[in-house]
Amino acid sequence: MKNIIQNINKAFDHRIRLGIMSVLMVNESADFTTLKELLGVTDGNLASHTKALETENYIMIEKQFIGKKPNTSYRATIHGRKAFAAHIEALEKLISKT
């Protein structure tokens, strides 16, 4: 059981980032309000965690105006989808070995 946690991705350690990626894996995209409501987080928390995932190139952030209202939407990148799938696989292997 050497290196049992080596493939667990530190970027997904936090429950909010795990939640963001989980939502984006099953949806093409999600907007700020939807993520905020689904995850039950504050504006600042969501903004900081989406920024961290964007920095890793795991999500894309798109800002636009709908009418006169700003709208921010998020989409998982191909790189992010692969990294998250590998993370989930590593967690499943960890669970099955303990």
Protein backbone atom coordinates (compact mmCIF):
# COMPACT_ATOMS: atom_id res chain seq x y z
CA MET A 1 0.00 0.00 0.00
CA LYS A 2 2.91 2.27 -0.73
CA ASN A 3 1.96 5.68 -2.22
CA ILE A 4 -1.73 4.96 -1.78
CA ILE A 5 -2.63 8.64 -1.96
CA GLN A 6 -0.16 9.71 -4.64
CA ASN A 7 -2.80 10.28 -7.35
CA ILE A 8 -5.18 12.27 -5.16
CA ASN A 9 -5.21 15.79 -6.58
CA LYS A 10 -4.65 18.52 -3.98
CA ALA A 11 -6.65 20.99 -6.10
CA PHE A 12 -9.81 19.00 -5.32
CA ASP A 13 -9.14 18.59 -1.58
CA HIS A 14 -11.57 21.28 -0.55
CA ARG A 15 -15.27 20.38 -0.50
CA ILE A 16 -16.26 23.49 -2.46
CA ARG A 17 -13.84 22.71 -5.30
CA LEU A 18 -14.98 19.11 -5.26
CA GLY A 19 -18.57 20.36 -5.50
CA ILE A 20 -17.83 22.79 -8.32
CA MET A 21 -16.15 20.10 -10.39
CA SER A 22 -18.88 17.57 -9.63
CA VAL A 23 -21.53 19.98 -10.93
CA LEU A 24 -19.48 20.82 -14.02
CA MET A 25 -18.76 17.17 -14.83
CA VAL A 26 -22.48 16.42 -15.27
CA ASN A 27 -23.51 19.76 -16.80
CA GLU A 28 -22.09 21.50 -19.83
CA SER A 29 -21.87 24.71 -17.79
CA ALA A 30 -23.27 26.38 -14.69
CA ASP A 31 -23.66 30.02 -13.79
CA PHE A 32 -22.51 31.73 -10.60
CA THR A 33 -25.95 31.83 -8.97
CA THR A 34 -26.63 28.16 -9.69
CA LEU A 35 -23.31 27.05 -8.21
CA LYS A 36 -23.77 29.32 -5.21
CA GLU A 37 -27.22 27.90 -4.46
CA LEU A 38 -26.29 24.25 -5.09
CA LEU A 39 -23.21 24.44 -2.89
CA GLY A 40 -24.60 26.77 -0.22
CA VAL A 41 -21.58 29.07 -0.22
CA THR A 42 -20.97 32.81 -0.08
CA ASP A 43 -20.06 34.91 -3.11
CA GLY A 44 -16.49 35.33 -1.86
CA ASN A 45 -15.99 31.62 -1.18
CA LEU A 46 -17.27 30.65 -4.61
CA ALA A 47 -15.19 33.32 -6.33
CA SER A 48 -11.95 32.29 -4.61
CA HIS A 49 -12.45 28.58 -5.31
CA THR A 50 -13.41 29.08 -8.95
CA LYS A 51 -10.34 31.30 -9.36
CA ALA A 52 -8.14 28.53 -7.92
CA LEU A 53 -9.62 25.99 -10.37
CA GLU A 54 -9.20 28.46 -13.26
CA THR A 55 -5.54 28.99 -12.31
CA GLU A 56 -5.01 25.22 -12.64
CA ASN A 57 -6.75 25.34 -16.06
CA TYR A 58 -9.46 22.99 -14.75
CA ILE A 59 -12.33 25.37 -15.55
CA MET A 60 -13.04 28.23 -17.93
CA ILE A 61 -14.82 31.34 -16.70
CA GLU A 62 -16.98 33.25 -19.16
CA LYS A 63 -18.30 36.70 -18.28
CA GLN A 64 -21.00 38.38 -20.32
CA PHE A 65 -24.02 40.63 -19.99
CA ILE A 66 -27.54 39.36 -20.42
CA GLY A 67 -29.46 42.53 -21.01
CA LYS A 68 -27.91 44.88 -18.48
CA LYS A 69 -27.13 42.18 -15.91
CA PRO A 70 -23.69 40.59 -15.63
CA ASN A 71 -23.61 36.80 -15.95
CA THR A 72 -20.65 34.58 -15.11
CA SER A 73 -20.68 30.98 -16.23
CA TYR A 74 -18.24 28.15 -15.67
CA ARG A 75 -17.30 25.18 -17.80
CA ALA A 76 -14.89 22.32 -17.09
CA THR A 77 -11.96 22.17 -19.50
CA ILE A 78 -10.82 18.91 -21.10
CA HIS A 79 -7.76 19.06 -18.84
CA GLY A 80 -10.03 19.60 -15.82
CA ARG A 81 -12.31 16.70 -16.77
CA LYS A 82 -9.33 14.35 -17.09
CA ALA A 83 -7.78 15.53 -13.80
CA PHE A 84 -11.05 15.19 -11.92
CA ALA A 85 -11.74 11.73 -13.36
CA ALA A 86 -8.23 10.65 -12.28
CA HIS A 87 -8.86 12.10 -8.82
CA ILE A 88 -12.13 10.19 -8.44
CA GLU A 89 -10.45 7.01 -9.68
CA ALA A 90 -7.68 7.47 -7.08
CA LEU A 91 -10.28 7.93 -4.34
CA GLU A 92 -12.11 4.78 -5.45
CA LYS A 93 -8.85 2.80 -5.38
CA LEU A 94 -8.08 4.18 -1.93
CA ILE A 95 -11.48 3.11 -0.63
CA SER A 96 -11.25 -0.35 -2.14
CA LYS A 97 -7.81 -0.97 -0.56
CA THR A 98 -8.75 0.01 2.97
